[in-house]
Amino acid sequence: MKITTIALAVSGLILAASSPAYAQDSRPEAAAQSPETARLYDSLSAKPGWPTRASEAEVDKMLADQGISPEDRRATIAMMRQDVCKQAEMIAICRHFGAETIYKVQKAAWASTDERTGRAVAARLMEYGASRNFAALSARGLSDAQEAQLFPAPSPSAAKLKIRFESYFHAWLRCGNDTKTLSGSIPGTYRLVTCGTGFGTGFEIVIWKWHFGYHTAVQLTDSIFLRRVLLLWWPTGSEPAICSNSIVGSASNNQCNNYNWYSPVSFTAHGQSTMPSVYSVGTAKRLNVPFNVSIQFQ
């Protein structure tokens, strides 16, 4: 089973490494991207569902060219016609990045004919949209309840969307944090929040005790550094760096920003015959005190 731009577009996300963002310490701003990224983001439709420029026959042919069976093509097209952000496993992801970001990336994915280029474009849109969404939500500070909703704690397992018995697709968003009270700092409570967003897909055939299959995981990680002031959480710059690392099997991709509240997005994809291990790792420093978050997904 190959993981293609089309397969990932069904979920609404094609993720890749992206360029650094910059924001003032006192108040969060949207990630500083090129004017072209901002223009592309604004030009894309924020409506959910099927891309207006694609016909069902064209999409069916594209899926058929990938060797996908008629049964799975029908299931895939049915999924694409739905609002991806209303699927149970996508609700938290759409809240974290902003639903309009997910819809725009979905449209951009379908417009791309080259998978590598499509991933790069989608990654820039993801980082720009995510930071803009967070900047808007945190403009007045975040209460404990809002912070917990935006950065959900790890759950025991990821929701799975079964296509048929032999194959699967599942998505997840889980966050962890490292909170410390620092002496010599006013305010003294700081928190590094790291979130991992991922997609797993694959197939497996079991014949008695024999297992045959191929599994691929796609992982995106971002980190945000917060300080607590007057019972609210505010984004703040870290020193000297805030980093995110996505680890899938033997592949990893560590990305850092200096003196920032928001790390670059880290993207990793890896496939193998057995289910690859998946981790998200975040690191930062404040007054030479290290903050570390590590989340295992599978």
C-alpha atoms as a PDB file:
ATOM      1  CA  MET A   1       0.000   0.000   0.000  1.00  0.00           C
ATOM      2  CA  LYS A   2       1.397   3.340  -1.018  1.00  0.00           C
ATOM      3  CA  ILE A   3       0.692   6.544   0.902  1.00  0.00           C
ATOM      4  CA  THR A   4      -0.011   9.193  -1.675  1.00  0.00           C
ATOM      5  CA  THR A   5      -0.969  12.822  -1.783  1.00  0.00           C
ATOM      6  CA  ILE A   6      -4.509  11.701  -2.575  1.00  0.00           C
ATOM      7  CA  ALA A   7      -4.756   9.360   0.415  1.00  0.00           C
ATOM      8  CA  LEU A   8      -3.582  12.054   2.793  1.00  0.00           C
ATOM      9  CA  ALA A   9      -5.841  14.627   1.194  1.00  0.00           C
ATOM     10  CA  VAL A  10      -8.781  12.513   2.293  1.00  0.00           C
ATOM     11  CA  SER A  11      -7.860  13.268   5.881  1.00  0.00           C
ATOM     12  CA  GLY A  12      -7.383  16.933   5.021  1.00  0.00           C
ATOM     13  CA  LEU A  13      -3.707  17.084   5.903  1.00  0.00           C
ATOM     14  CA  ILE A  14      -0.455  16.609   4.009  1.00  0.00           C
ATOM     15  CA  LEU A  15       2.264  17.571   6.428  1.00  0.00           C
ATOM     16  CA  ALA A  16       5.945  18.440   5.947  1.00  0.00           C
ATOM     17  CA  ALA A  17       8.819  20.395   7.441  1.00  0.00           C
ATOM     18  CA  SER A  18       8.187  24.132   7.394  1.00  0.00           C
ATOM     19  CA  SER A  19       9.965  27.448   7.745  1.00  0.00           C
ATOM     20  CA  PRO A  20      10.467  29.207  11.118  1.00  0.00           C
ATOM     21  CA  ALA A  21       7.908  31.564  12.607  1.00  0.00           C
ATOM     22  CA  TYR A  22       8.500  34.752  14.580  1.00  0.00           C
ATOM     23  CA  ALA A  23       6.362  36.526  17.148  1.00  0.00           C
ATOM     24  CA  GLN A  24       6.804  39.187  19.816  1.00  0.00           C
ATOM     25  CA  ASP A  25       7.229  37.953  23.393  1.00  0.00           C
ATOM     26  CA  SER A  26       4.477  40.202  24.748  1.00  0.00           C
ATOM     27  CA  ARG A  27       1.698  39.194  22.388  1.00  0.00           C
ATOM     28  CA  PRO A  28       1.379  36.303  19.930  1.00  0.00           C
ATOM     29  CA  GLU A  29       1.248  37.068  16.239  1.00  0.00           C
ATOM     30  CA  ALA A  30       0.647  34.787  13.272  1.00  0.00           C
ATOM     31  CA  ALA A  31       3.748  33.047  11.949  1.00  0.00           C
ATOM     32  CA  ALA A  32       5.887  35.297   9.761  1.00  0.00           C
ATOM     33  CA  GLN A  33       5.619  33.623   6.394  1.00  0.00           C
ATOM     34  CA  SER A  34       6.296  34.892   2.906  1.00  0.00           C
ATOM     35  CA  PRO A  35       3.667  37.141   1.291  1.00  0.00           C
ATOM     36  CA  GLU A  36       3.059  34.317  -1.183  1.00  0.00           C
ATOM     37  CA  THR A  37       2.021  31.959   1.658  1.00  0.00           C
ATOM     38  CA  ALA A  38      -0.377  34.536   3.102  1.00  0.00           C
ATOM     39  CA  ARG A  39      -1.874  35.191  -0.335  1.00  0.00           C
ATOM     40  CA  LEU A  40      -2.242  31.464  -1.030  1.00  0.00           C
ATOM     41  CA  TYR A  41      -3.888  30.906   2.361  1.00  0.00           C
ATOM     42  CA  ASP A  42      -6.373  33.722   1.775  1.00  0.00           C
ATOM     43  CA  SER A  43      -7.134  32.558  -1.770  1.00  0.00           C
ATOM     44  CA  LEU A  44      -8.077  29.001  -0.845  1.00  0.00           C
ATOM     45  CA  SER A  45     -11.639  28.036  -0.039  1.00  0.00           C
ATOM     46  CA  ALA A  46     -12.412  27.483   3.648  1.00  0.00           C
ATOM     47  CA  LYS A  47     -15.518  25.446   2.853  1.00  0.00           C
ATOM     48  CA  PRO A  48     -15.494  21.782   3.911  1.00  0.00           C
ATOM     49  CA  GLY A  49     -15.905  18.844   1.586  1.00  0.00           C
ATOM     50  CA  TRP A  50     -15.309  18.177  -2.069  1.00  0.00           C
ATOM     51  CA  PRO A  51     -12.974  20.461  -4.082  1.00  0.00           C
ATOM     52  CA  THR A  52     -15.115  22.395  -6.526  1.00  0.00           C
ATOM     53  CA  ARG A  53     -12.687  21.942  -9.395  1.00  0.00           C
ATOM     54  CA  ALA A  54     -12.577  18.130  -9.171  1.00  0.00           C
ATOM     55  CA  SER A  55     -15.202  15.854 -10.692  1.00  0.00           C
ATOM     56  CA  GLU A  56     -16.040  12.486  -9.177  1.00  0.00           C
ATOM     57  CA  ALA A  57     -14.959  10.724 -12.375  1.00  0.00           C
ATOM     58  CA  GLU A  58     -11.538  12.423 -12.296  1.00  0.00           C
ATOM     59  CA  VAL A  59     -10.995  11.514  -8.677  1.00  0.00           C
ATOM     60  CA  ASP A  60     -12.129   7.938  -9.239  1.00  0.00           C
ATOM     61  CA  LYS A  61      -9.616   7.619 -12.091  1.00  0.00           C
ATOM     62  CA  MET A  62      -6.809   9.067  -9.954  1.00  0.00           C
ATOM     63  CA  LEU A  63      -7.555   6.553  -7.207  1.00  0.00           C
ATOM     64  CA  ALA A  64      -7.794   3.715  -9.728  1.00  0.00           C
ATOM     65  CA  ASP A  65      -4.365   4.664 -11.117  1.00  0.00           C
ATOM     66  CA  GLN A  66      -2.987   4.109  -7.592  1.00  0.00           C
ATOM     67  CA  GLY A  67      -4.284   0.529  -7.675  1.00  0.00           C
ATOM     68  CA  ILE A  68      -7.116   1.159  -5.197  1.00  0.00           C
ATOM     69  CA  SER A  69     -10.030  -1.280  -5.486  1.00  0.00           C
ATOM     70  CA  PRO A  70     -13.515  -0.127  -6.582  1.00  0.00           C
ATOM     71  CA  GLU A  71     -14.847  -0.796  -3.060  1.00  0.00           C
ATOM     72  CA  ASP A  72     -12.184   1.375  -1.431  1.00  0.00           C
ATOM     73  CA  ARG A  73     -12.565   4.060  -4.132  1.00  0.00           C
ATOM     74  CA  ARG A  74     -16.262   4.365  -3.311  1.00  0.00           C
ATOM     75  CA  ALA A  75     -15.487   4.537   0.432  1.00  0.00           C
ATOM     76  CA  THR A  76     -12.778   7.148  -0.142  1.00  0.00           C
ATOM     77  CA  ILE A  77     -15.016   9.371  -2.290  1.00  0.00           C
ATOM     78  CA  ALA A  78     -17.794   9.099   0.293  1.00  0.00           C
ATOM     79  CA  MET A  79     -15.350  10.200   2.996  1.00  0.00           C
ATOM     80  CA  MET A  80     -14.174  13.142   0.910  1.00  0.00           C
ATOM     81  CA  ARG A  81     -17.679  14.470   0.483  1.00  0.00           C
ATOM     82  CA  GLN A  82     -18.031  14.732   4.270  1.00  0.00           C
ATOM     83  CA  ASP A  83     -16.864  17.554   6.527  1.00  0.00           C
ATOM     84  CA  VAL A  84     -13.598  16.082   7.755  1.00  0.00           C
ATOM     85  CA  CYS A  85     -13.716  18.227  10.917  1.00  0.00           C
ATOM     86  CA  LYS A  86     -16.925  16.494  12.005  1.00  0.00           C
ATOM     87  CA  GLN A  87     -15.246  13.097  12.121  1.00  0.00           C
ATOM     88  CA  ALA A  88     -14.654  12.077  15.732  1.00  0.00           C
ATOM     89  CA  GLU A  89     -10.915  11.574  15.334  1.00  0.00           C
ATOM     90  CA  MET A  90     -10.481  14.964  13.643  1.00  0.00           C
ATOM     91  CA  ILE A  91     -12.388  17.280  16.025  1.00  0.00           C
ATOM     92  CA  ALA A  92      -9.439  17.996  18.318  1.00  0.00           C
ATOM     93  CA  ILE A  93      -7.072  18.395  15.351  1.00  0.00           C
ATOM     94  CA  CYS A  94      -9.376  20.941  13.696  1.00  0.00           C
ATOM     95  CA  ARG A  95      -9.694  22.852  16.965  1.00  0.00           C
ATOM     96  CA  HIS A  96      -5.902  22.951  17.391  1.00  0.00           C
ATOM     97  CA  PHE A  97      -5.051  24.151  13.868  1.00  0.00           C
ATOM     98  CA  GLY A  98      -8.313  25.920  13.066  1.00  0.00           C
ATOM     99  CA  ALA A  99     -10.961  24.251  10.923  1.00  0.00           C
ATOM    100  CA  GLU A 100     -10.441  26.695   8.052  1.00  0.00           C
ATOM    101  CA  THR A 101      -6.747  25.735   7.958  1.00  0.00           C
ATOM    102  CA  ILE A 102      -7.662  22.065   7.570  1.00  0.00           C
ATOM    103  CA  TYR A 103     -10.117  22.852   4.750  1.00  0.00           C
ATOM    104  CA  LYS A 104      -7.586  25.060   2.953  1.00  0.00           C
ATOM    105  CA  VAL A 105      -4.852  22.407   3.185  1.00  0.00           C
ATOM    106  CA  GLN A 106      -7.330  19.864   1.875  1.00  0.00           C
ATOM    107  CA  LYS A 107      -8.007  22.048  -1.176  1.00  0.00           C
ATOM    108  CA  ALA A 108      -4.282  22.721  -1.710  1.00  0.00           C
ATOM    109  CA  ALA A 109      -3.528  18.996  -1.566  1.00  0.00           C
ATOM    110  CA  TRP A 110      -5.973  18.258  -4.364  1.00  0.00           C
ATOM    111  CA  ALA A 111      -4.583  21.063  -6.506  1.00  0.00           C
ATOM    112  CA  SER A 112      -1.032  19.678  -6.292  1.00  0.00           C
ATOM    113  CA  THR A 113       0.244  17.186  -8.858  1.00  0.00           C
ATOM    114  CA  ASP A 114       3.657  16.664  -7.237  1.00  0.00           C
ATOM    115  CA  GLU A 115       3.641  15.022  -3.795  1.00  0.00           C
ATOM    116  CA  ARG A 116       6.852  16.633  -2.492  1.00  0.00           C
ATOM    117  CA  THR A 117       5.800  20.114  -3.616  1.00  0.00           C
ATOM    118  CA  GLY A 118       2.328  19.521  -2.212  1.00  0.00           C
ATOM    119  CA  ARG A 119       3.754  18.606   1.178  1.00  0.00           C
ATOM    120  CA  ALA A 120       5.941  21.719   1.290  1.00  0.00           C
ATOM    121  CA  VAL A 121       3.021  23.989   0.402  1.00  0.00           C
ATOM    122  CA  ALA A 122       0.734  22.261   2.901  1.00  0.00           C
ATOM    123  CA  ALA A 123       3.331  22.589   5.651  1.00  0.00           C
ATOM    124  CA  ARG A 124       3.626  26.346   5.143  1.00  0.00           C
ATOM    125  CA  LEU A 125      -0.156  26.640   5.215  1.00  0.00           C
ATOM    126  CA  MET A 126      -0.312  24.501   8.373  1.00  0.00           C
ATOM    127  CA  GLU A 127       2.203  26.596  10.273  1.00  0.00           C
ATOM    128  CA  TYR A 128       0.716  29.888   9.112  1.00  0.00           C
ATOM    129  CA  GLY A 129      -2.838  28.798   9.895  1.00  0.00           C
ATOM    130  CA  ALA A 130      -1.981  27.173  13.222  1.00  0.00           C
ATOM    131  CA  SER A 131      -0.117  30.192  14.569  1.00  0.00           C
ATOM    132  CA  ARG A 132      -2.863  32.533  13.329  1.00  0.00           C
ATOM    133  CA  ASN A 133      -5.491  30.375  15.006  1.00  0.00           C
ATOM    134  CA  PHE A 134      -3.564  30.279  18.277  1.00  0.00           C
ATOM    135  CA  ALA A 135      -2.850  34.010  18.174  1.00  0.00           C
ATOM    136  CA  ALA A 136      -6.566  34.740  17.817  1.00  0.00           C
ATOM    137  CA  LEU A 137      -7.593  32.331  20.576  1.00  0.00           C
ATOM    138  CA  SER A 138      -4.971  33.580  23.044  1.00  0.00           C
ATOM    139  CA  ALA A 139      -5.318  37.315  22.368  1.00  0.00           C
ATOM    140  CA  ARG A 140      -6.993  37.767  25.769  1.00  0.00           C
ATOM    141  CA  GLY A 141      -5.097  34.995  27.514  1.00  0.00           C
ATOM    142  CA  LEU A 142      -6.221  31.397  28.021  1.00  0.00           C
ATOM    143  CA  SER A 143      -8.040  30.071  31.061  1.00  0.00           C
ATOM    144  CA  ASP A 144      -7.068  26.645  32.397  1.00  0.00           C
ATOM    145  CA  ALA A 145     -10.138  25.133  30.720  1.00  0.00           C
ATOM    146  CA  GLN A 146      -9.378  26.787  27.366  1.00  0.00           C
ATOM    147  CA  GLU A 147      -5.733  25.757  27.525  1.00  0.00           C
ATOM    148  CA  ALA A 148      -6.717  22.152  28.284  1.00  0.00           C
ATOM    149  CA  GLN A 149      -9.163  22.103  25.358  1.00  0.00           C
ATOM    150  CA  LEU A 150      -6.677  23.574  22.902  1.00  0.00           C
ATOM    151  CA  PHE A 151      -3.901  21.203  24.031  1.00  0.00           C
ATOM    152  CA  PRO A 152      -5.675  17.939  24.915  1.00  0.00           C
ATOM    153  CA  ALA A 153      -3.932  15.503  27.244  1.00  0.00           C
ATOM    154  CA  PRO A 154      -2.904  12.067  25.927  1.00  0.00           C
ATOM    155  CA  SER A 155      -5.725   9.549  25.639  1.00  0.00           C
ATOM    156  CA  PRO A 156      -5.344   5.765  25.972  1.00  0.00           C
ATOM    157  CA  SER A 157      -5.768   5.101  22.256  1.00  0.00           C
ATOM    158  CA  ALA A 158      -6.352   6.799  18.924  1.00  0.00           C
ATOM    159  CA  ALA A 159      -9.755   6.662  17.260  1.00  0.00           C
ATOM    160  CA  LYS A 160      -9.701   4.420  14.202  1.00  0.00           C
ATOM    161  CA  LEU A 161     -11.713   4.680  11.018  1.00  0.00           C
ATOM    162  CA  LYS A 162     -11.944   1.234   9.434  1.00  0.00           C
ATOM    163  CA  ILE A 163     -12.237   1.049   5.663  1.00  0.00           C
ATOM    164  CA  ARG A 164     -12.260  -2.721   5.510  1.00  0.00           C
ATOM    165  CA  PHE A 165     -10.927  -5.581   7.602  1.00  0.00           C
ATOM    166  CA  GLU A 166      -7.463  -5.677   6.031  1.00  0.00           C
ATOM    167  CA  SER A 167      -6.756  -1.928   5.880  1.00  0.00           C
ATOM    168  CA  TYR A 168      -7.087   1.046   8.183  1.00  0.00           C
ATOM    169  CA  PHE A 169      -6.720   4.779   8.547  1.00  0.00           C
ATOM    170  CA  HIS A 170      -6.515   6.575  11.877  1.00  0.00           C
ATOM    171  CA  ALA A 171      -5.650  10.077  13.057  1.00  0.00           C
ATOM    172  CA  TRP A 172      -4.634  11.549  16.391  1.00  0.00           C
ATOM    173  CA  LEU A 173      -3.797  14.721  18.278  1.00  0.00           C
ATOM    174  CA  ARG A 174      -2.272  14.478  21.762  1.00  0.00           C
ATOM    175  CA  CYS A 175      -0.474  17.059  23.839  1.00  0.00           C
ATOM    176  CA  GLY A 176       1.802  16.965  26.854  1.00  0.00           C
ATOM    177  CA  ASN A 177       3.366  19.670  28.976  1.00  0.00           C
ATOM    178  CA  ASP A 178       6.244  20.375  31.349  1.00  0.00           C
ATOM    179  CA  THR A 179       5.306  23.032  33.937  1.00  0.00           C
ATOM    180  CA  LYS A 180       7.858  24.532  36.329  1.00  0.00           C
ATOM    181  CA  THR A 181       8.024  27.361  38.840  1.00  0.00           C
ATOM    182  CA  LEU A 182      11.338  29.184  38.480  1.00  0.00           C
ATOM    183  CA  SER A 183      13.028  31.095  41.262  1.00  0.00           C
ATOM    184  CA  GLY A 184      14.219  34.594  40.355  1.00  0.00           C
ATOM    185  CA  SER A 185      11.537  35.052  37.696  1.00  0.00           C
ATOM    186  CA  ILE A 186       8.341  37.104  37.978  1.00  0.00           C
ATOM    187  CA  PRO A 187       5.958  35.626  36.990  1.00  0.00           C
ATOM    188  CA  GLY A 188       7.553  32.356  37.975  1.00  0.00           C
ATOM    189  CA  THR A 189       5.354  29.661  36.415  1.00  0.00           C
ATOM    190  CA  TYR A 190       6.192  28.536  32.871  1.00  0.00           C
ATOM    191  CA  ARG A 191       4.843  25.725  30.717  1.00  0.00           C
ATOM    192  CA  LEU A 192       6.137  24.064  27.564  1.00  0.00           C
ATOM    193  CA  VAL A 193       3.267  22.474  25.629  1.00  0.00           C
ATOM    194  CA  THR A 194       4.079  20.028  22.837  1.00  0.00           C
ATOM    195  CA  CYS A 195       1.421  18.532  20.563  1.00  0.00           C
ATOM    196  CA  GLY A 196       1.745  15.692  18.097  1.00  0.00           C
ATOM    197  CA  THR A 197      -0.611  15.286  15.145  1.00  0.00           C
ATOM    198  CA  GLY A 198      -0.394  12.101  13.164  1.00  0.00           C
ATOM    199  CA  PHE A 199      -1.944   9.757  10.664  1.00  0.00           C
ATOM    200  CA  GLY A 200      -1.464   6.028  10.384  1.00  0.00           C
ATOM    201  CA  THR A 201      -2.442   3.887   7.442  1.00  0.00           C
ATOM    202  CA  GLY A 202      -1.646   0.411   6.275  1.00  0.00           C
ATOM    203  CA  PHE A 203      -2.878  -3.089   5.678  1.00  0.00           C
ATOM    204  CA  GLU A 204      -2.315  -6.459   7.250  1.00  0.00           C
ATOM    205  CA  ILE A 205      -3.208  -9.990   6.235  1.00  0.00           C
ATOM    206  CA  VAL A 206      -3.257 -12.663   8.922  1.00  0.00           C
ATOM    207  CA  ILE A 207      -3.091 -16.343   7.970  1.00  0.00           C
ATOM    208  CA  TRP A 208      -3.007 -18.445  11.109  1.00  0.00           C
ATOM    209  CA  LYS A 209       0.142 -17.237  12.876  1.00  0.00           C
ATOM    210  CA  TRP A 210       1.587 -15.470   9.845  1.00  0.00           C
ATOM    211  CA  HIS A 211       1.242 -11.699   9.452  1.00  0.00           C
ATOM    212  CA  PHE A 212       1.888  -9.829   6.198  1.00  0.00           C
ATOM    213  CA  GLY A 213       1.480  -6.107   5.795  1.00  0.00           C
ATOM    214  CA  TYR A 214       2.862  -2.607   5.421  1.00  0.00           C
ATOM    215  CA  HIS A 215       2.308   0.318   7.761  1.00  0.00           C
ATOM    216  CA  THR A 216       3.073   4.010   7.361  1.00  0.00           C
ATOM    217  CA  ALA A 217       2.879   6.783   9.937  1.00  0.00           C
ATOM    218  CA  VAL A 218       2.967  10.528   9.297  1.00  0.00           C
ATOM    219  CA  GLN A 219       3.724  12.745  12.301  1.00  0.00           C
ATOM    220  CA  LEU A 220       3.712  16.517  12.852  1.00  0.00           C
ATOM    221  CA  THR A 221       4.896  18.147  16.094  1.00  0.00           C
ATOM    222  CA  ASP A 222       4.699  21.726  17.333  1.00  0.00           C
ATOM    223  CA  SER A 223       5.610  23.344  20.668  1.00  0.00           C
ATOM    224  CA  ILE A 224       4.409  26.484  22.437  1.00  0.00           C
ATOM    225  CA  PHE A 225       5.986  28.157  25.498  1.00  0.00           C
ATOM    226  CA  LEU A 226       3.576  29.808  27.955  1.00  0.00           C
ATOM    227  CA  ARG A 227       3.769  31.818  31.195  1.00  0.00           C
ATOM    228  CA  ARG A 228       1.086  32.216  33.821  1.00  0.00           C
ATOM    229  CA  VAL A 229       0.034  35.784  34.643  1.00  0.00           C
ATOM    230  CA  LEU A 230      -3.056  36.669  36.683  1.00  0.00           C
ATOM    231  CA  LEU A 231      -4.560  33.176  36.342  1.00  0.00           C
ATOM    232  CA  LEU A 232      -4.206  33.222  32.551  1.00  0.00           C
ATOM    233  CA  TRP A 233      -1.690  31.575  30.221  1.00  0.00           C
ATOM    234  CA  TRP A 234       0.176  33.842  27.765  1.00  0.00           C
ATOM    235  CA  PRO A 235       2.668  32.946  25.009  1.00  0.00           C
ATOM    236  CA  THR A 236       6.229  33.946  25.850  1.00  0.00           C
ATOM    237  CA  GLY A 237       9.655  33.749  24.206  1.00  0.00           C
ATOM    238  CA  SER A 238      12.007  31.027  25.392  1.00  0.00           C
ATOM    239  CA  GLU A 239      15.770  31.101  25.646  1.00  0.00           C
ATOM    240  CA  PRO A 240      17.773  30.171  23.784  1.00  0.00           C
ATOM    241  CA  ALA A 241      15.539  27.898  21.686  1.00  0.00           C
ATOM    242  CA  ILE A 242      12.169  26.174  21.490  1.00  0.00           C
ATOM    243  CA  CYS A 243      12.188  22.926  19.534  1.00  0.00           C
ATOM    244  CA  SER A 244       9.941  20.184  18.183  1.00  0.00           C
ATOM    245  CA  ASN A 245      10.929  16.750  16.951  1.00  0.00           C
ATOM    246  CA  SER A 246       8.801  14.123  15.197  1.00  0.00           C
ATOM    247  CA  ILE A 247      10.187  10.590  15.468  1.00  0.00           C
ATOM    248  CA  VAL A 248       8.702   7.786  13.370  1.00  0.00           C
ATOM    249  CA  GLY A 249      10.594   4.512  13.419  1.00  0.00           C
ATOM    250  CA  SER A 250      14.176   5.327  12.426  1.00  0.00           C
ATOM    251  CA  ALA A 251      13.344   8.795  11.037  1.00  0.00           C
ATOM    252  CA  SER A 252      13.306  12.115  12.925  1.00  0.00           C
ATOM    253  CA  ASN A 253      13.268  15.833  12.154  1.00  0.00           C
ATOM    254  CA  ASN A 254      14.257  18.303  14.892  1.00  0.00           C
ATOM    255  CA  GLN A 255      13.230  21.941  14.242  1.00  0.00           C
ATOM    256  CA  CYS A 256      14.030  24.941  16.489  1.00  0.00           C
ATOM    257  CA  ASN A 257      13.340  28.669  16.780  1.00  0.00           C
ATOM    258  CA  ASN A 258      15.431  31.103  18.850  1.00  0.00           C
ATOM    259  CA  TYR A 259      13.738  33.438  21.341  1.00  0.00           C
ATOM    260  CA  ASN A 260      10.201  32.595  20.293  1.00  0.00           C
ATOM    261  CA  TRP A 261       6.917  31.371  21.739  1.00  0.00           C
ATOM    262  CA  TYR A 262       6.277  28.913  18.904  1.00  0.00           C
ATOM    263  CA  SER A 263       8.536  26.249  17.411  1.00  0.00           C
ATOM    264  CA  PRO A 264       8.716  25.448  13.710  1.00  0.00           C
ATOM    265  CA  VAL A 265       6.545  22.530  12.681  1.00  0.00           C
ATOM    266  CA  SER A 266       8.443  19.232  12.581  1.00  0.00           C
ATOM    267  CA  PHE A 267       7.328  16.635  10.031  1.00  0.00           C
ATOM    268  CA  THR A 268       8.363  13.007   9.609  1.00  0.00           C
ATOM    269  CA  ALA A 269       6.949  10.125   7.540  1.00  0.00           C
ATOM    270  CA  HIS A 270       8.150   6.537   7.626  1.00  0.00           C
ATOM    271  CA  GLY A 271       6.885   3.145   6.485  1.00  0.00           C
ATOM    272  CA  GLN A 272       7.868  -0.419   7.311  1.00  0.00           C
ATOM    273  CA  SER A 273       6.483  -3.947   7.492  1.00  0.00           C
ATOM    274  CA  THR A 274       5.641  -3.620  11.192  1.00  0.00           C
ATOM    275  CA  MET A 275       3.868  -0.743  12.915  1.00  0.00           C
ATOM    276  CA  PRO A 276       6.557   1.963  13.437  1.00  0.00           C
ATOM    277  CA  SER A 277       6.999   3.586  16.831  1.00  0.00           C
ATOM    278  CA  VAL A 278       5.885   7.240  16.881  1.00  0.00           C
ATOM    279  CA  TYR A 279       7.021   9.972  19.291  1.00  0.00           C
ATOM    280  CA  SER A 280       6.696  13.732  19.608  1.00  0.00           C
ATOM    281  CA  VAL A 281       9.371  15.561  21.590  1.00  0.00           C
ATOM    282  CA  GLY A 282       9.513  19.206  22.649  1.00  0.00           C
ATOM    283  CA  THR A 283      12.341  21.093  24.383  1.00  0.00           C
ATOM    284  CA  ALA A 284      12.918  24.656  25.568  1.00  0.00           C
ATOM    285  CA  LYS A 285      14.898  26.633  28.168  1.00  0.00           C
ATOM    286  CA  ARG A 286      14.145  29.512  30.506  1.00  0.00           C
ATOM    287  CA  LEU A 287      16.871  30.960  32.759  1.00  0.00           C
ATOM    288  CA  ASN A 288      18.993  27.943  31.811  1.00  0.00           C
ATOM    289  CA  VAL A 289      16.329  25.583  33.198  1.00  0.00           C
ATOM    290  CA  PRO A 290      15.436  22.875  30.640  1.00  0.00           C
ATOM    291  CA  PHE A 291      11.843  21.993  29.762  1.00  0.00           C
ATOM    292  CA  ASN A 292      11.178  18.632  28.110  1.00  0.00           C
ATOM    293  CA  VAL A 293       8.069  16.892  26.784  1.00  0.00           C
ATOM    294  CA  SER A 294       7.972  13.414  25.263  1.00  0.00           C
ATOM    295  CA  ILE A 295       4.789  11.703  24.017  1.00  0.00           C
ATOM    296  CA  GLN A 296       4.607   8.162  22.676  1.00  0.00           C
ATOM    297  CA  PHE A 297       1.782   7.427  20.257  1.00  0.00           C
ATOM    298  CA  GLN A 298       2.299   3.842  19.150  1.00  0.00           C
END
